[in-house]
């Protein structure tokens, strides 16, 4: 019982380690896209950025 709990904990721990840089990278990408959107006011660019954003 104890070893199974430890195993699941280690899987969650590894998952968190792998997930952290991914979420940081995603936040960075989203913030840069929002910054670019503010710089360019054309609707064509906004539509392109919207296409590139993955649906949550």
PDB file of N, CA and C in Angstrom:
ATOM      1  N   UNK A   1       0.836  -1.202   0.000  1.00  0.00           N
ATOM      2  CA  UNK A   1       0.000   0.000   0.000  1.00  0.00           C
ATOM      3  C   UNK A   1       0.873   1.256   0.000  1.00  0.00           C
ATOM      4  N   UNK A   2       1.883   1.250   0.860  1.00  0.00           N
ATOM      5  CA  UNK A   2       2.757   2.419   0.972  1.00  0.00           C
ATOM      6  C   UNK A   2       3.541   2.654  -0.327  1.00  0.00           C
ATOM      7  N   UNK A   3       4.054   1.578  -0.907  1.00  0.00           N
ATOM      8  CA  UNK A   3       4.854   1.696  -2.132  1.00  0.00           C
ATOM      9  C   UNK A   3       3.994   2.215  -3.289  1.00  0.00           C
ATOM     10  N   UNK A   4       2.726   1.814  -3.336  1.00  0.00           N
ATOM     11  CA  UNK A   4       1.838   2.275  -4.399  1.00  0.00           C
ATOM     12  C   UNK A   4       1.591   3.780  -4.265  1.00  0.00           C
ATOM     13  N   UNK A   5       1.367   4.253  -3.029  1.00  0.00           N
ATOM     14  CA  UNK A   5       1.179   5.683  -2.800  1.00  0.00           C
ATOM     15  C   UNK A   5       2.420   6.471  -3.182  1.00  0.00           C
ATOM     16  N   UNK A   6       3.577   5.949  -2.836  1.00  0.00           N
ATOM     17  CA  UNK A   6       4.840   6.603  -3.157  1.00  0.00           C
ATOM     18  C   UNK A   6       5.033   6.671  -4.668  1.00  0.00           C
ATOM     19  N   UNK A   7       4.644   5.610  -5.352  1.00  0.00           N
ATOM     20  CA  UNK A   7       4.768   5.553  -6.806  1.00  0.00           C
ATOM     21  C   UNK A   7       3.888   6.612  -7.461  1.00  0.00           C
ATOM     22  N   UNK A   8       2.638   6.712  -7.024  1.00  0.00           N
ATOM     23  CA  UNK A   8       1.726   7.695  -7.598  1.00  0.00           C
ATOM     24  C   UNK A   8       2.199   9.116  -7.282  1.00  0.00           C
ATOM     25  N   UNK A   9       2.765   9.312  -6.096  1.00  0.00           N
ATOM     26  CA  UNK A   9       3.286  10.627  -5.722  1.00  0.00           C
ATOM     27  C   UNK A   9       4.449  11.024  -6.622  1.00  0.00           C
ATOM     28  N   UNK A  10       5.347  10.068  -6.903  1.00  0.00           N
ATOM     29  CA  UNK A  10       6.501  10.360  -7.756  1.00  0.00           C
ATOM     30  C   UNK A  10       6.062  10.689  -9.172  1.00  0.00           C
ATOM     31  N   UNK A  11       5.009  10.022  -9.662  1.00  0.00           N
ATOM     32  CA  UNK A  11       4.469  10.303 -10.999  1.00  0.00           C
ATOM     33  C   UNK A  11       3.906  11.727 -11.037  1.00  0.00           C
ATOM     34  N   UNK A  12       3.154  12.097 -10.002  1.00  0.00           N
ATOM     35  CA  UNK A  12       2.596  13.453  -9.914  1.00  0.00           C
ATOM     36  C   UNK A  12       3.721  14.478  -9.835  1.00  0.00           C
ATOM     37  N   UNK A  13       4.746  14.173  -9.044  1.00  0.00           N
ATOM     38  CA  UNK A  13       5.896  15.073  -8.883  1.00  0.00           C
ATOM     39  C   UNK A  13       6.610  15.296 -10.216  1.00  0.00           C
ATOM     40  N   UNK A  14       6.860  14.211 -10.950  1.00  0.00           N
ATOM     41  CA  UNK A  14       7.498  14.310 -12.266  1.00  0.00           C
ATOM     42  C   UNK A  14       6.619  15.087 -13.236  1.00  0.00           C
ATOM     43  N   UNK A  15       5.319  14.821 -13.189  1.00  0.00           N
ATOM     44  CA  UNK A  15       4.358  15.505 -14.049  1.00  0.00           C
ATOM     45  C   UNK A  15       4.407  17.018 -13.810  1.00  0.00           C
ATOM     46  N   UNK A  16       4.479  17.413 -12.520  1.00  0.00           N
ATOM     47  CA  UNK A  16       4.556  18.832 -12.166  1.00  0.00           C
ATOM     48  C   UNK A  16       5.847  19.459 -12.689  1.00  0.00           C
ATOM     49  N   UNK A  17       6.955  18.719 -12.578  1.00  0.00           N
ATOM     50  CA  UNK A  17       8.241  19.217 -13.064  1.00  0.00           C
ATOM     51  C   UNK A  17       8.189  19.457 -14.574  1.00  0.00           C
ATOM     52  N   UNK A  18       7.569  18.532 -15.296  1.00  0.00           N
ATOM     53  CA  UNK A  18       7.461  18.690 -16.742  1.00  0.00           C
ATOM     54  C   UNK A  18       6.455  19.769 -17.113  1.00  0.00           C
ATOM     55  N   UNK A  19       5.424  19.932 -16.311  1.00  0.00           N
ATOM     56  CA  UNK A  19       4.344  20.862 -16.630  1.00  0.00           C
ATOM     57  C   UNK A  19       4.727  22.312 -16.367  1.00  0.00           C
ATOM     58  N   UNK A  20       5.537  22.560 -15.329  1.00  0.00           N
ATOM     59  CA  UNK A  20       5.901  23.934 -14.970  1.00  0.00           C
ATOM     60  C   UNK A  20       6.516  24.730 -16.115  1.00  0.00           C
ATOM     61  N   UNK A  21       7.576  24.230 -16.786  1.00  0.00           N
ATOM     62  CA  UNK A  21       8.135  24.999 -17.892  1.00  0.00           C
ATOM     63  C   UNK A  21       7.150  25.179 -19.037  1.00  0.00           C
ATOM     64  N   UNK A  22       6.286  24.192 -19.248  1.00  0.00           N
ATOM     65  CA  UNK A  22       5.288  24.291 -20.314  1.00  0.00           C
ATOM     66  C   UNK A  22       4.317  25.434 -20.048  1.00  0.00           C
ATOM     67  N   UNK A  23       3.808  25.520 -18.807  1.00  0.00           N
ATOM     68  CA  UNK A  23       2.867  26.584 -18.468  1.00  0.00           C
ATOM     69  C   UNK A  23       3.546  27.948 -18.502  1.00  0.00           C
ATOM     70  N   UNK A  24       4.810  28.004 -18.027  1.00  0.00           N
ATOM     71  CA  UNK A  24       5.563  29.255 -18.082  1.00  0.00           C
ATOM     72  C   UNK A  24       5.754  29.698 -19.520  1.00  0.00           C
ATOM     73  N   UNK A  25       6.093  28.750 -20.383  1.00  0.00           N
ATOM     74  CA  UNK A  25       6.269  29.048 -21.804  1.00  0.00           C
ATOM     75  C   UNK A  25       4.959  29.504 -22.431  1.00  0.00           C
ATOM     76  N   UNK A  26       3.848  28.856 -22.067  1.00  0.00           N
ATOM     77  CA  UNK A  26       2.531  29.220 -22.602  1.00  0.00           C
ATOM     78  C   UNK A  26       2.147  30.628 -22.183  1.00  0.00           C
ATOM     79  N   UNK A  27       2.376  30.963 -20.901  1.00  0.00           N
ATOM     80  CA  UNK A  27       2.072  32.297 -20.392  1.00  0.00           C
ATOM     81  C   UNK A  27       2.916  33.339 -21.122  1.00  0.00           C
ATOM     82  N   UNK A  28       4.202  33.005 -21.352  1.00  0.00           N
ATOM     83  CA  UNK A  28       5.108  33.904 -22.063  1.00  0.00           C
ATOM     84  C   UNK A  28       4.616  34.154 -23.483  1.00  0.00           C
ATOM     85  N   UNK A  29       4.197  33.085 -24.165  1.00  0.00           N
ATOM     86  CA  UNK A  29       3.695  33.202 -25.536  1.00  0.00           C
ATOM     87  C   UNK A  29       2.438  34.063 -25.583  1.00  0.00           C
ATOM     88  N   UNK A  30       1.518  33.821 -24.664  1.00  0.00           N
ATOM     89  CA  UNK A  30       0.260  34.573 -24.624  1.00  0.00           C
ATOM     90  C   UNK A  30       0.527  36.053 -24.354  1.00  0.00           C
ATOM     91  N   UNK A  31       1.418  36.345 -23.410  1.00  0.00           N
ATOM     92  CA  UNK A  31       1.718  37.748 -23.073  1.00  0.00           C
ATOM     93  C   UNK A  31       2.389  38.457 -24.232  1.00  0.00           C
ATOM     94  N   UNK A  32       3.280  37.763 -24.949  1.00  0.00           N
ATOM     95  CA  UNK A  32       3.933  38.388 -26.100  1.00  0.00           C
ATOM     96  C   UNK A  32       2.932  38.622 -27.213  1.00  0.00           C
ATOM     97  N   UNK A  33       1.992  37.693 -27.410  1.00  0.00           N
ATOM     98  CA  UNK A  33       0.972  37.862 -28.437  1.00  0.00           C
ATOM     99  C   UNK A  33       0.063  39.043 -28.101  1.00  0.00           C
ATOM    100  N   UNK A  34      -0.273  39.206 -26.813  1.00  0.00           N
ATOM    101  CA  UNK A  34      -1.094  40.340 -26.396  1.00  0.00           C
ATOM    102  C   UNK A  34      -0.341  41.650 -26.619  1.00  0.00           C
ATOM    103  N   UNK A  35       0.970  41.648 -26.361  1.00  0.00           N
ATOM    104  CA  UNK A  35       1.799  42.823 -26.581  1.00  0.00           C
ATOM    105  C   UNK A  35       1.840  43.175 -28.070  1.00  0.00           C
ATOM    106  N   UNK A  36       1.984  42.161 -28.919  1.00  0.00           N
ATOM    107  CA  UNK A  36       2.000  42.377 -30.368  1.00  0.00           C
ATOM    108  C   UNK A  36       0.646  42.889 -30.837  1.00  0.00           C
ATOM    109  N   UNK A  37      -0.412  42.391 -30.231  1.00  0.00           N
ATOM    110  CA  UNK A  37      -1.764  42.808 -30.599  1.00  0.00           C
ATOM    111  C   UNK A  37      -1.967  44.291 -30.285  1.00  0.00           C
ATOM    112  N   UNK A  38      -1.400  44.734 -29.157  1.00  0.00           N
ATOM    113  CA  UNK A  38      -1.501  46.154 -28.801  1.00  0.00           C
ATOM    114  C   UNK A  38      -0.730  47.020 -29.784  1.00  0.00           C
ATOM    115  N   UNK A  39       0.431  46.543 -30.235  1.00  0.00           N
ATOM    116  CA  UNK A  39       1.263  47.298 -31.165  1.00  0.00           C
ATOM    117  C   UNK A  39       0.593  47.423 -32.527  1.00  0.00           C
ATOM    118  N   UNK A  40       0.058  46.306 -33.027  1.00  0.00           N
ATOM    119  CA  UNK A  40      -0.587  46.317 -34.344  1.00  0.00           C
ATOM    120  C   UNK A  40      -2.094  46.359 -34.154  1.00  0.00           C
ATOM    121  N   UNK A  41      -2.718  47.366 -34.726  1.00  0.00           N
ATOM    122  CA  UNK A  41      -4.158  47.545 -34.520  1.00  0.00           C
ATOM    123  C   UNK A  41      -4.979  46.980 -35.673  1.00  0.00           C
ATOM    124  N   UNK A  42      -4.335  46.410 -36.683  1.00  0.00           N
ATOM    125  CA  UNK A  42      -5.079  45.892 -37.832  1.00  0.00           C
ATOM    126  C   UNK A  42      -5.819  44.618 -37.456  1.00  0.00           C
ATOM    127  N   UNK A  43      -7.010  44.442 -38.020  1.00  0.00           N
ATOM    128  CA  UNK A  43      -7.834  43.280 -37.694  1.00  0.00           C
ATOM    129  C   UNK A  43      -7.242  42.005 -38.284  1.00  0.00           C
ATOM    130  N   UNK A  44      -6.496  42.110 -39.381  1.00  0.00           N
ATOM    131  CA  UNK A  44      -5.888  40.927 -40.009  1.00  0.00           C
ATOM    132  C   UNK A  44      -4.906  40.266 -39.047  1.00  0.00           C
ATOM    133  N   UNK A  45      -4.078  41.058 -38.395  1.00  0.00           N
ATOM    134  CA  UNK A  45      -3.114  40.508 -37.444  1.00  0.00           C
ATOM    135  C   UNK A  45      -3.836  39.893 -36.246  1.00  0.00           C
ATOM    136  N   UNK A  46      -4.887  40.533 -35.771  1.00  0.00           N
ATOM    137  CA  UNK A  46      -5.649  40.000 -34.644  1.00  0.00           C
ATOM    138  C   UNK A  46      -6.245  38.639 -35.000  1.00  0.00           C
ATOM    139  N   UNK A  47      -6.721  38.515 -36.230  1.00  0.00           N
ATOM    140  CA  UNK A  47      -7.309  37.255 -36.662  1.00  0.00           C
ATOM    141  C   UNK A  47      -6.244  36.163 -36.726  1.00  0.00           C
ATOM    142  N   UNK A  48      -5.052  36.510 -37.204  1.00  0.00           N
ATOM    143  CA  UNK A  48      -3.959  35.536 -37.288  1.00  0.00           C
ATOM    144  C   UNK A  48      -3.547  35.061 -35.903  1.00  0.00           C
ATOM    145  N   UNK A  49      -3.438  35.996 -34.948  1.00  0.00           N
ATOM    146  CA  UNK A  49      -3.066  35.643 -33.569  1.00  0.00           C
ATOM    147  C   UNK A  49      -4.135  34.737 -32.963  1.00  0.00           C
ATOM    148  N   UNK A  50      -5.396  35.050 -33.223  1.00  0.00           N
ATOM    149  CA  UNK A  50      -6.496  34.235 -32.716  1.00  0.00           C
ATOM    150  C   UNK A  50      -6.451  32.815 -33.243  1.00  0.00           C
ATOM    151  N   UNK A  51      -6.021  32.664 -34.496  1.00  0.00           N
ATOM    152  CA  UNK A  51      -5.903  31.335 -35.092  1.00  0.00           C
ATOM    153  C   UNK A  51      -4.808  30.522 -34.403  1.00  0.00           C
ATOM    154  N   UNK A  52      -3.709  31.196 -34.052  1.00  0.00           N
ATOM    155  CA  UNK A  52      -2.568  30.501 -33.463  1.00  0.00           C
ATOM    156  C   UNK A  52      -2.810  30.097 -32.015  1.00  0.00           C
ATOM    157  N   UNK A  53      -3.709  30.788 -31.307  1.00  0.00           N
ATOM    158  CA  UNK A  53      -3.972  30.450 -29.911  1.00  0.00           C
ATOM    159  C   UNK A  53      -4.742  29.132 -29.815  1.00  0.00           C
ATOM    160  N   UNK A  54      -4.235  28.184 -29.024  1.00  0.00           N
ATOM    161  CA  UNK A  54      -4.967  26.929 -28.846  1.00  0.00           C
ATOM    162  C   UNK A  54      -6.181  27.117 -27.935  1.00  0.00           C
ATOM    163  N   UNK A  55      -7.251  26.432 -28.265  1.00  0.00           N
ATOM    164  CA  UNK A  55      -8.460  26.540 -27.439  1.00  0.00           C
ATOM    165  C   UNK A  55      -8.260  25.783 -26.138  1.00  0.00           C
ATOM    166  N   UNK A  56      -8.640  26.393 -25.035  1.00  0.00           N
ATOM    167  CA  UNK A  56      -8.467  25.764 -23.717  1.00  0.00           C
ATOM    168  C   UNK A  56      -9.667  24.853 -23.427  1.00  0.00           C
TER     169      UNK A  56
END
